[in-house]
Amino acid sequence: MNYQVNVYWNKGAVRKSNQDSVLVLKALTSQGRVLLAAVCDGMGGMDRGEYASGYLTEELVTWFYDGLLQAIGKRKPLWVLRRSLERNLYRIQRGLQTYAVKRGLEMGTTMSLLVLWEKKYLLWHLGDSRIYRLSSHWKRKIILMTKDHVQGKNRLTKCVGSFGYFWPDFRMGIIGNGEAFLLCSDGFWHMMGAEELGEALAPALMTEERCERRLKEVAETAMRRGERDNLSAVYILVQND
């Protein structure tokens, strides 16, 4: 399988800084192509949201090379990959907690993480960033793959941060040729309906140039509708070689 990837990252019309962190890593192994993508949104109401999201993505880079690729190279089963990430996520959370306690801070970040390994996908999720799955062959062109961990209007109930460890939601399955995944922060999706996203980002005939333009158009539409948050997205189109 081949993965066409486009990334959009914008601090938005109001925020002075971007507390979102975006990560895309690809590798060609003896067991096929592997891709890791993540969108992490630092909690704006807390301290140093950009540090929390940045620290998490940096640690995910280490896990990709030292954990994921080694496990795939040894042909480990998928449940081993799952437990490997969750063990590392616990370690990352403890690192953030230690940093925050020493400085008297409260900090956290969402995490929407996707691993593609040939025709298989693994998904981990905490917070209100989202992962969508898209196909031009379905009657309903877009499916939300994650659940928002939110209470009330804006209060996150689960995250990676200084509040203790939360088990991430997990899904895995098989992907088909011509399908796509959209990972995005809440600033990107909040003002947009799922059907709008499905129409704008339908995988059929989606070139890199068209995808770059469509992601920008979606973000600009969200800002015109009043979105004040950072806007980040990763779009991955899955194609046969």
C-alpha atoms as a PDB file:
ATOM      1  CA  MET A   1       0.000   0.000   0.000  1.00  0.00           C
ATOM      2  CA  ASN A   2       1.040   3.613  -0.582  1.00  0.00           C
ATOM      3  CA  TYR A   3       0.024   6.578   1.587  1.00  0.00           C
ATOM      4  CA  GLN A   4      -0.505  10.087   0.186  1.00  0.00           C
ATOM      5  CA  VAL A   5      -0.289  12.564   3.077  1.00  0.00           C
ATOM      6  CA  ASN A   6      -1.263  16.225   3.392  1.00  0.00           C
ATOM      7  CA  VAL A   7      -0.883  18.354   6.525  1.00  0.00           C
ATOM      8  CA  TYR A   8      -2.591  21.610   7.522  1.00  0.00           C
ATOM      9  CA  TRP A   9      -1.402  23.624  10.576  1.00  0.00           C
ATOM     10  CA  ASN A  10      -2.604  27.145  11.421  1.00  0.00           C
ATOM     11  CA  LYS A  11      -2.740  29.151  14.657  1.00  0.00           C
ATOM     12  CA  GLY A  12      -6.046  30.622  13.479  1.00  0.00           C
ATOM     13  CA  ALA A  13      -7.332  34.168  13.353  1.00  0.00           C
ATOM     14  CA  VAL A  14      -7.230  34.934  17.087  1.00  0.00           C
ATOM     15  CA  ARG A  15      -4.662  32.863  19.011  1.00  0.00           C
ATOM     16  CA  LYS A  16      -1.147  34.271  19.409  1.00  0.00           C
ATOM     17  CA  SER A  17       0.446  30.818  19.282  1.00  0.00           C
ATOM     18  CA  ASN A  18      -0.384  27.339  18.031  1.00  0.00           C
ATOM     19  CA  GLN A  19      -0.705  24.807  20.842  1.00  0.00           C
ATOM     20  CA  ASP A  20      -1.407  21.963  18.398  1.00  0.00           C
ATOM     21  CA  SER A  21       1.344  19.521  17.483  1.00  0.00           C
ATOM     22  CA  VAL A  22       1.155  17.387  14.347  1.00  0.00           C
ATOM     23  CA  LEU A  23       3.253  14.325  13.571  1.00  0.00           C
ATOM     24  CA  VAL A  24       3.653  12.159  10.458  1.00  0.00           C
ATOM     25  CA  LEU A  25       6.285   9.419  10.184  1.00  0.00           C
ATOM     26  CA  LYS A  26       6.708   6.834   7.413  1.00  0.00           C
ATOM     27  CA  ALA A  27       9.025   3.857   7.005  1.00  0.00           C
ATOM     28  CA  LEU A  28       9.500   1.033   4.521  1.00  0.00           C
ATOM     29  CA  THR A  29      10.221  -2.230   6.357  1.00  0.00           C
ATOM     30  CA  SER A  30      10.686  -5.854   5.382  1.00  0.00           C
ATOM     31  CA  GLN A  31       7.068  -6.341   6.502  1.00  0.00           C
ATOM     32  CA  GLY A  32       5.668  -3.528   4.351  1.00  0.00           C
ATOM     33  CA  ARG A  33       5.065   0.208   4.668  1.00  0.00           C
ATOM     34  CA  VAL A  34       4.307   1.702   8.063  1.00  0.00           C
ATOM     35  CA  LEU A  35       2.861   5.145   8.796  1.00  0.00           C
ATOM     36  CA  LEU A  36       2.217   6.905  12.082  1.00  0.00           C
ATOM     37  CA  ALA A  37       0.151  10.096  12.221  1.00  0.00           C
ATOM     38  CA  ALA A  38      -0.960  12.068  15.269  1.00  0.00           C
ATOM     39  CA  VAL A  39      -2.731  15.307  16.126  1.00  0.00           C
ATOM     40  CA  CYS A  40      -2.268  16.540  19.699  1.00  0.00           C
ATOM     41  CA  ASP A  41      -4.042  19.689  20.926  1.00  0.00           C
ATOM     42  CA  GLY A  42      -2.571  21.300  24.051  1.00  0.00           C
ATOM     43  CA  MET A  43      -5.265  22.364  26.490  1.00  0.00           C
ATOM     44  CA  GLY A  44      -5.610  26.125  26.045  1.00  0.00           C
ATOM     45  CA  GLY A  45      -7.100  26.773  29.473  1.00  0.00           C
ATOM     46  CA  MET A  46      -4.123  25.165  31.209  1.00  0.00           C
ATOM     47  CA  ASP A  47      -0.431  25.985  31.477  1.00  0.00           C
ATOM     48  CA  ARG A  48       1.993  25.441  28.585  1.00  0.00           C
ATOM     49  CA  GLY A  49      -0.337  23.556  26.268  1.00  0.00           C
ATOM     50  CA  GLU A  50       2.231  23.727  23.492  1.00  0.00           C
ATOM     51  CA  TYR A  51       4.778  22.003  25.750  1.00  0.00           C
ATOM     52  CA  ALA A  52       2.370  19.178  26.586  1.00  0.00           C
ATOM     53  CA  SER A  53       1.495  18.493  22.948  1.00  0.00           C
ATOM     54  CA  GLY A  54       5.096  18.903  21.800  1.00  0.00           C
ATOM     55  CA  TYR A  55       6.462  16.593  24.480  1.00  0.00           C
ATOM     56  CA  LEU A  56       3.931  13.923  23.571  1.00  0.00           C
ATOM     57  CA  THR A  57       4.748  14.039  19.846  1.00  0.00           C
ATOM     58  CA  GLU A  58       8.500  13.925  20.558  1.00  0.00           C
ATOM     59  CA  GLU A  59       8.014  10.818  22.678  1.00  0.00           C
ATOM     60  CA  LEU A  60       5.875   9.252  19.942  1.00  0.00           C
ATOM     61  CA  VAL A  61       8.799   9.698  17.532  1.00  0.00           C
ATOM     62  CA  THR A  62      10.970   7.653  19.895  1.00  0.00           C
ATOM     63  CA  TRP A  63       8.304   4.961  20.225  1.00  0.00           C
ATOM     64  CA  PHE A  64       7.912   4.766  16.428  1.00  0.00           C
ATOM     65  CA  TYR A  65      11.580   3.918  15.881  1.00  0.00           C
ATOM     66  CA  ASP A  66      12.446   2.052  19.079  1.00  0.00           C
ATOM     67  CA  GLY A  67       9.160   0.276  19.722  1.00  0.00           C
ATOM     68  CA  LEU A  68       6.802   0.064  16.767  1.00  0.00           C
ATOM     69  CA  LEU A  69       9.242  -0.645  13.940  1.00  0.00           C
ATOM     70  CA  GLN A  70      11.179  -3.177  15.998  1.00  0.00           C
ATOM     71  CA  ALA A  71       7.971  -5.023  16.915  1.00  0.00           C
ATOM     72  CA  ILE A  72       6.813  -5.065  13.287  1.00  0.00           C
ATOM     73  CA  GLY A  73      10.232  -6.262  12.136  1.00  0.00           C
ATOM     74  CA  LYS A  74       9.913  -9.190  14.564  1.00  0.00           C
ATOM     75  CA  ARG A  75       6.387  -9.911  13.262  1.00  0.00           C
ATOM     76  CA  LYS A  76       4.791  -9.335  16.646  1.00  0.00           C
ATOM     77  CA  PRO A  77       0.970  -9.645  16.775  1.00  0.00           C
ATOM     78  CA  LEU A  78      -1.162  -6.504  16.819  1.00  0.00           C
ATOM     79  CA  TRP A  79      -2.015  -6.810  20.514  1.00  0.00           C
ATOM     80  CA  VAL A  80       1.699  -6.475  21.287  1.00  0.00           C
ATOM     81  CA  LEU A  81       1.788  -3.192  19.340  1.00  0.00           C
ATOM     82  CA  ARG A  82      -1.230  -1.993  21.290  1.00  0.00           C
ATOM     83  CA  ARG A  83       0.276  -2.777  24.682  1.00  0.00           C
ATOM     84  CA  SER A  84       3.605  -1.295  23.657  1.00  0.00           C
ATOM     85  CA  LEU A  85       2.000   2.088  22.929  1.00  0.00           C
ATOM     86  CA  GLU A  86      -0.098   2.027  26.087  1.00  0.00           C
ATOM     87  CA  ARG A  87       2.943   1.287  28.261  1.00  0.00           C
ATOM     88  CA  ASN A  88       4.773   4.195  26.660  1.00  0.00           C
ATOM     89  CA  LEU A  89       1.754   6.440  27.073  1.00  0.00           C
ATOM     90  CA  TYR A  90       1.780   5.702  30.814  1.00  0.00           C
ATOM     91  CA  ARG A  91       5.469   6.645  30.941  1.00  0.00           C
ATOM     92  CA  ILE A  92       4.799   9.851  28.979  1.00  0.00           C
ATOM     93  CA  GLN A  93       1.965  10.792  31.328  1.00  0.00           C
ATOM     94  CA  ARG A  94       4.227  10.287  34.341  1.00  0.00           C
ATOM     95  CA  GLY A  95       6.852  12.500  32.723  1.00  0.00           C
ATOM     96  CA  LEU A  96       4.334  15.300  32.170  1.00  0.00           C
ATOM     97  CA  GLN A  97       2.999  14.884  35.696  1.00  0.00           C
ATOM     98  CA  THR A  98       6.469  15.117  37.232  1.00  0.00           C
ATOM     99  CA  TYR A  99       7.277  18.227  35.181  1.00  0.00           C
ATOM    100  CA  ALA A 100       4.002  19.892  36.167  1.00  0.00           C
ATOM    101  CA  VAL A 101       4.153  19.070  39.894  1.00  0.00           C
ATOM    102  CA  LYS A 102       7.692  20.465  40.246  1.00  0.00           C
ATOM    103  CA  ARG A 103       6.532  23.770  38.732  1.00  0.00           C
ATOM    104  CA  GLY A 104       3.068  23.957  40.268  1.00  0.00           C
ATOM    105  CA  LEU A 105       1.363  23.655  36.886  1.00  0.00           C
ATOM    106  CA  GLU A 106      -1.642  21.892  35.413  1.00  0.00           C
ATOM    107  CA  MET A 107      -1.192  20.813  31.821  1.00  0.00           C
ATOM    108  CA  GLY A 108      -2.604  18.399  29.296  1.00  0.00           C
ATOM    109  CA  THR A 109      -3.096  17.548  25.649  1.00  0.00           C
ATOM    110  CA  THR A 110      -5.463  15.551  23.498  1.00  0.00           C
ATOM    111  CA  MET A 111      -4.117  12.677  21.396  1.00  0.00           C
ATOM    112  CA  SER A 112      -5.551  11.205  18.224  1.00  0.00           C
ATOM    113  CA  LEU A 113      -3.065   8.649  16.919  1.00  0.00           C
ATOM    114  CA  LEU A 114      -3.251   6.407  13.861  1.00  0.00           C
ATOM    115  CA  VAL A 115      -0.855   3.657  12.761  1.00  0.00           C
ATOM    116  CA  LEU A 116      -1.193   2.157   9.277  1.00  0.00           C
ATOM    117  CA  TRP A 117       0.660  -1.040   8.455  1.00  0.00           C
ATOM    118  CA  GLU A 118      -0.138  -2.123   4.909  1.00  0.00           C
ATOM    119  CA  LYS A 119      -3.895  -2.938   5.022  1.00  0.00           C
ATOM    120  CA  LYS A 120      -4.216  -2.763   8.810  1.00  0.00           C
ATOM    121  CA  TYR A 121      -4.937   0.227  11.012  1.00  0.00           C
ATOM    122  CA  LEU A 122      -4.597   0.811  14.761  1.00  0.00           C
ATOM    123  CA  LEU A 123      -6.127   3.849  16.429  1.00  0.00           C
ATOM    124  CA  TRP A 124      -5.664   5.345  19.909  1.00  0.00           C
ATOM    125  CA  HIS A 125      -7.592   8.359  21.151  1.00  0.00           C
ATOM    126  CA  LEU A 126      -7.981  10.691  24.144  1.00  0.00           C
ATOM    127  CA  GLY A 127      -9.758  14.062  24.176  1.00  0.00           C
ATOM    128  CA  ASP A 128     -11.738  15.972  21.555  1.00  0.00           C
ATOM    129  CA  SER A 129      -9.456  15.891  18.561  1.00  0.00           C
ATOM    130  CA  ARG A 130     -10.986  13.508  16.028  1.00  0.00           C
ATOM    131  CA  ILE A 131     -10.260  10.813  13.459  1.00  0.00           C
ATOM    132  CA  TYR A 132     -12.613  10.369  10.512  1.00  0.00           C
ATOM    133  CA  ARG A 133     -12.618   7.621   7.898  1.00  0.00           C
ATOM    134  CA  LEU A 134     -13.688   8.509   4.363  1.00  0.00           C
ATOM    135  CA  SER A 135     -14.594   6.635   1.199  1.00  0.00           C
ATOM    136  CA  SER A 136     -16.189   7.764  -2.061  1.00  0.00           C
ATOM    137  CA  HIS A 137     -17.765   4.302  -2.424  1.00  0.00           C
ATOM    138  CA  TRP A 138     -19.985   4.508   0.659  1.00  0.00           C
ATOM    139  CA  LYS A 139     -23.449   6.010   0.651  1.00  0.00           C
ATOM    140  CA  ARG A 140     -22.393   7.881   3.779  1.00  0.00           C
ATOM    141  CA  LYS A 141     -19.002   9.203   2.703  1.00  0.00           C
ATOM    142  CA  ILE A 142     -17.563   9.829   6.160  1.00  0.00           C
ATOM    143  CA  ILE A 143     -17.544   7.978   9.490  1.00  0.00           C
ATOM    144  CA  LEU A 144     -16.394   9.374  12.834  1.00  0.00           C
ATOM    145  CA  MET A 145     -13.995   6.830  14.334  1.00  0.00           C
ATOM    146  CA  THR A 146     -13.499   8.484  17.739  1.00  0.00           C
ATOM    147  CA  LYS A 147     -15.590   9.621  20.683  1.00  0.00           C
ATOM    148  CA  ASP A 148     -15.207  13.112  22.151  1.00  0.00           C
ATOM    149  CA  HIS A 149     -14.210  12.966  25.817  1.00  0.00           C
ATOM    150  CA  VAL A 150     -15.989  16.153  26.826  1.00  0.00           C
ATOM    151  CA  GLN A 151     -18.339  17.136  29.632  1.00  0.00           C
ATOM    152  CA  GLY A 152     -20.560  20.145  29.170  1.00  0.00           C
ATOM    153  CA  LYS A 153     -19.424  22.576  26.506  1.00  0.00           C
ATOM    154  CA  ASN A 154     -15.627  22.532  26.702  1.00  0.00           C
ATOM    155  CA  ARG A 155     -14.397  20.511  29.688  1.00  0.00           C
ATOM    156  CA  LEU A 156     -12.247  17.548  28.705  1.00  0.00           C
ATOM    157  CA  THR A 157     -12.777  14.395  30.765  1.00  0.00           C
ATOM    158  CA  LYS A 158      -9.775  12.503  29.355  1.00  0.00           C
ATOM    159  CA  CYS A 159      -6.381  13.673  28.129  1.00  0.00           C
ATOM    160  CA  VAL A 160      -2.653  13.034  28.424  1.00  0.00           C
ATOM    161  CA  GLY A 161      -1.326  15.253  31.187  1.00  0.00           C
ATOM    162  CA  SER A 162      -0.855  15.987  34.858  1.00  0.00           C
ATOM    163  CA  PHE A 163      -4.223  14.631  36.027  1.00  0.00           C
ATOM    164  CA  GLY A 164      -3.454  10.916  36.177  1.00  0.00           C
ATOM    165  CA  TYR A 165      -3.460   8.148  33.580  1.00  0.00           C
ATOM    166  CA  PHE A 166      -6.436   7.511  31.301  1.00  0.00           C
ATOM    167  CA  TRP A 167      -6.673   4.393  29.164  1.00  0.00           C
ATOM    168  CA  PRO A 168      -6.998   5.532  25.545  1.00  0.00           C
ATOM    169  CA  ASP A 169      -9.860   4.379  23.365  1.00  0.00           C
ATOM    170  CA  PHE A 170      -8.557   1.790  20.900  1.00  0.00           C
ATOM    171  CA  ARG A 171      -9.753   0.437  17.552  1.00  0.00           C
ATOM    172  CA  MET A 172      -8.170  -1.667  14.844  1.00  0.00           C
ATOM    173  CA  GLY A 173      -9.288  -3.041  11.517  1.00  0.00           C
ATOM    174  CA  ILE A 174      -8.681  -3.380   7.788  1.00  0.00           C
ATOM    175  CA  ILE A 175      -8.528  -0.538   5.290  1.00  0.00           C
ATOM    176  CA  GLY A 176      -9.378  -0.638   1.598  1.00  0.00           C
ATOM    177  CA  ASN A 177      -7.865   0.907  -1.510  1.00  0.00           C
ATOM    178  CA  GLY A 178      -9.064   4.450  -2.087  1.00  0.00           C
ATOM    179  CA  GLU A 179     -10.098   5.076   1.518  1.00  0.00           C
ATOM    180  CA  ALA A 180      -8.789   8.010   3.540  1.00  0.00           C
ATOM    181  CA  PHE A 181      -8.349   9.126   7.147  1.00  0.00           C
ATOM    182  CA  LEU A 182      -8.662  12.659   8.499  1.00  0.00           C
ATOM    183  CA  LEU A 183      -7.079  13.459  11.873  1.00  0.00           C
ATOM    184  CA  CYS A 184      -7.890  16.942  13.147  1.00  0.00           C
ATOM    185  CA  SER A 185      -8.006  19.188  16.209  1.00  0.00           C
ATOM    186  CA  ASP A 186     -11.353  20.523  17.427  1.00  0.00           C
ATOM    187  CA  GLY A 187     -10.631  23.903  15.863  1.00  0.00           C
ATOM    188  CA  PHE A 188     -10.702  22.263  12.431  1.00  0.00           C
ATOM    189  CA  TRP A 189     -13.943  20.302  12.844  1.00  0.00           C
ATOM    190  CA  HIS A 190     -15.951  22.294  15.404  1.00  0.00           C
ATOM    191  CA  MET A 191     -17.673  24.647  12.943  1.00  0.00           C
ATOM    192  CA  MET A 192     -18.047  22.009  10.216  1.00  0.00           C
ATOM    193  CA  GLY A 193     -20.629  19.266   9.867  1.00  0.00           C
ATOM    194  CA  ALA A 194     -19.442  15.747   9.135  1.00  0.00           C
ATOM    195  CA  GLU A 195     -21.300  15.738   5.819  1.00  0.00           C
ATOM    196  CA  GLU A 196     -19.514  18.942   4.787  1.00  0.00           C
ATOM    197  CA  LEU A 197     -16.157  17.389   5.575  1.00  0.00           C
ATOM    198  CA  GLY A 198     -17.119  14.237   3.692  1.00  0.00           C
ATOM    199  CA  GLU A 199     -18.053  16.212   0.573  1.00  0.00           C
ATOM    200  CA  ALA A 200     -15.038  18.518   0.675  1.00  0.00           C
ATOM    201  CA  LEU A 201     -12.518  15.754   1.334  1.00  0.00           C
ATOM    202  CA  ALA A 202     -13.951  12.813  -0.610  1.00  0.00           C
ATOM    203  CA  PRO A 203     -11.029  10.566  -1.638  1.00  0.00           C
ATOM    204  CA  ALA A 204     -12.084  10.188  -5.304  1.00  0.00           C
ATOM    205  CA  LEU A 205      -9.585  11.963  -7.555  1.00  0.00           C
ATOM    206  CA  MET A 206      -7.891  13.523  -4.523  1.00  0.00           C
ATOM    207  CA  THR A 207      -4.429  14.631  -5.641  1.00  0.00           C
ATOM    208  CA  GLU A 208      -1.918  16.216  -3.280  1.00  0.00           C
ATOM    209  CA  GLU A 209      -2.564  19.645  -4.806  1.00  0.00           C
ATOM    210  CA  ARG A 210      -6.339  19.323  -4.530  1.00  0.00           C
ATOM    211  CA  CYS A 211      -6.116  18.063  -0.965  1.00  0.00           C
ATOM    212  CA  GLU A 212      -3.899  20.967   0.081  1.00  0.00           C
ATOM    213  CA  ARG A 213      -6.442  23.375  -1.398  1.00  0.00           C
ATOM    214  CA  ARG A 214      -9.442  21.620   0.185  1.00  0.00           C
ATOM    215  CA  LEU A 215      -7.909  21.536   3.675  1.00  0.00           C
ATOM    216  CA  LYS A 216      -7.209  25.244   3.450  1.00  0.00           C
ATOM    217  CA  GLU A 217     -10.777  25.926   2.239  1.00  0.00           C
ATOM    218  CA  VAL A 218     -12.269  23.955   5.143  1.00  0.00           C
ATOM    219  CA  ALA A 219     -10.131  25.866   7.663  1.00  0.00           C
ATOM    220  CA  GLU A 220     -10.994  29.231   6.134  1.00  0.00           C
ATOM    221  CA  THR A 221     -14.694  28.348   6.216  1.00  0.00           C
ATOM    222  CA  ALA A 222     -14.422  27.431   9.902  1.00  0.00           C
ATOM    223  CA  MET A 223     -12.732  30.755  10.678  1.00  0.00           C
ATOM    224  CA  ARG A 224     -15.376  32.718   8.755  1.00  0.00           C
ATOM    225  CA  ARG A 225     -17.998  30.987  10.900  1.00  0.00           C
ATOM    226  CA  GLY A 226     -16.304  32.220  14.054  1.00  0.00           C
ATOM    227  CA  GLU A 227     -13.734  29.567  14.963  1.00  0.00           C
ATOM    228  CA  ARG A 228     -11.177  31.084  17.353  1.00  0.00           C
ATOM    229  CA  ASP A 229      -8.992  28.068  18.095  1.00  0.00           C
ATOM    230  CA  ASN A 230      -5.915  26.624  16.394  1.00  0.00           C
ATOM    231  CA  LEU A 231      -6.663  24.495  13.330  1.00  0.00           C
ATOM    232  CA  SER A 232      -4.678  21.364  12.475  1.00  0.00           C
ATOM    233  CA  ALA A 233      -5.323  18.379  10.234  1.00  0.00           C
ATOM    234  CA  VAL A 234      -3.625  15.373   8.662  1.00  0.00           C
ATOM    235  CA  TYR A 235      -5.230  13.726   5.620  1.00  0.00           C
ATOM    236  CA  ILE A 236      -4.044  10.278   4.528  1.00  0.00           C
ATOM    237  CA  LEU A 237      -5.179   8.643   1.283  1.00  0.00           C
ATOM    238  CA  VAL A 238      -4.565   4.898   1.030  1.00  0.00           C
ATOM    239  CA  GLN A 239      -3.722   3.581  -2.446  1.00  0.00           C
ATOM    240  CA  ASN A 240      -2.507   0.324  -3.944  1.00  0.00           C
ATOM    241  CA  ASP A 241       1.037   0.479  -5.296  1.00  0.00           C
END
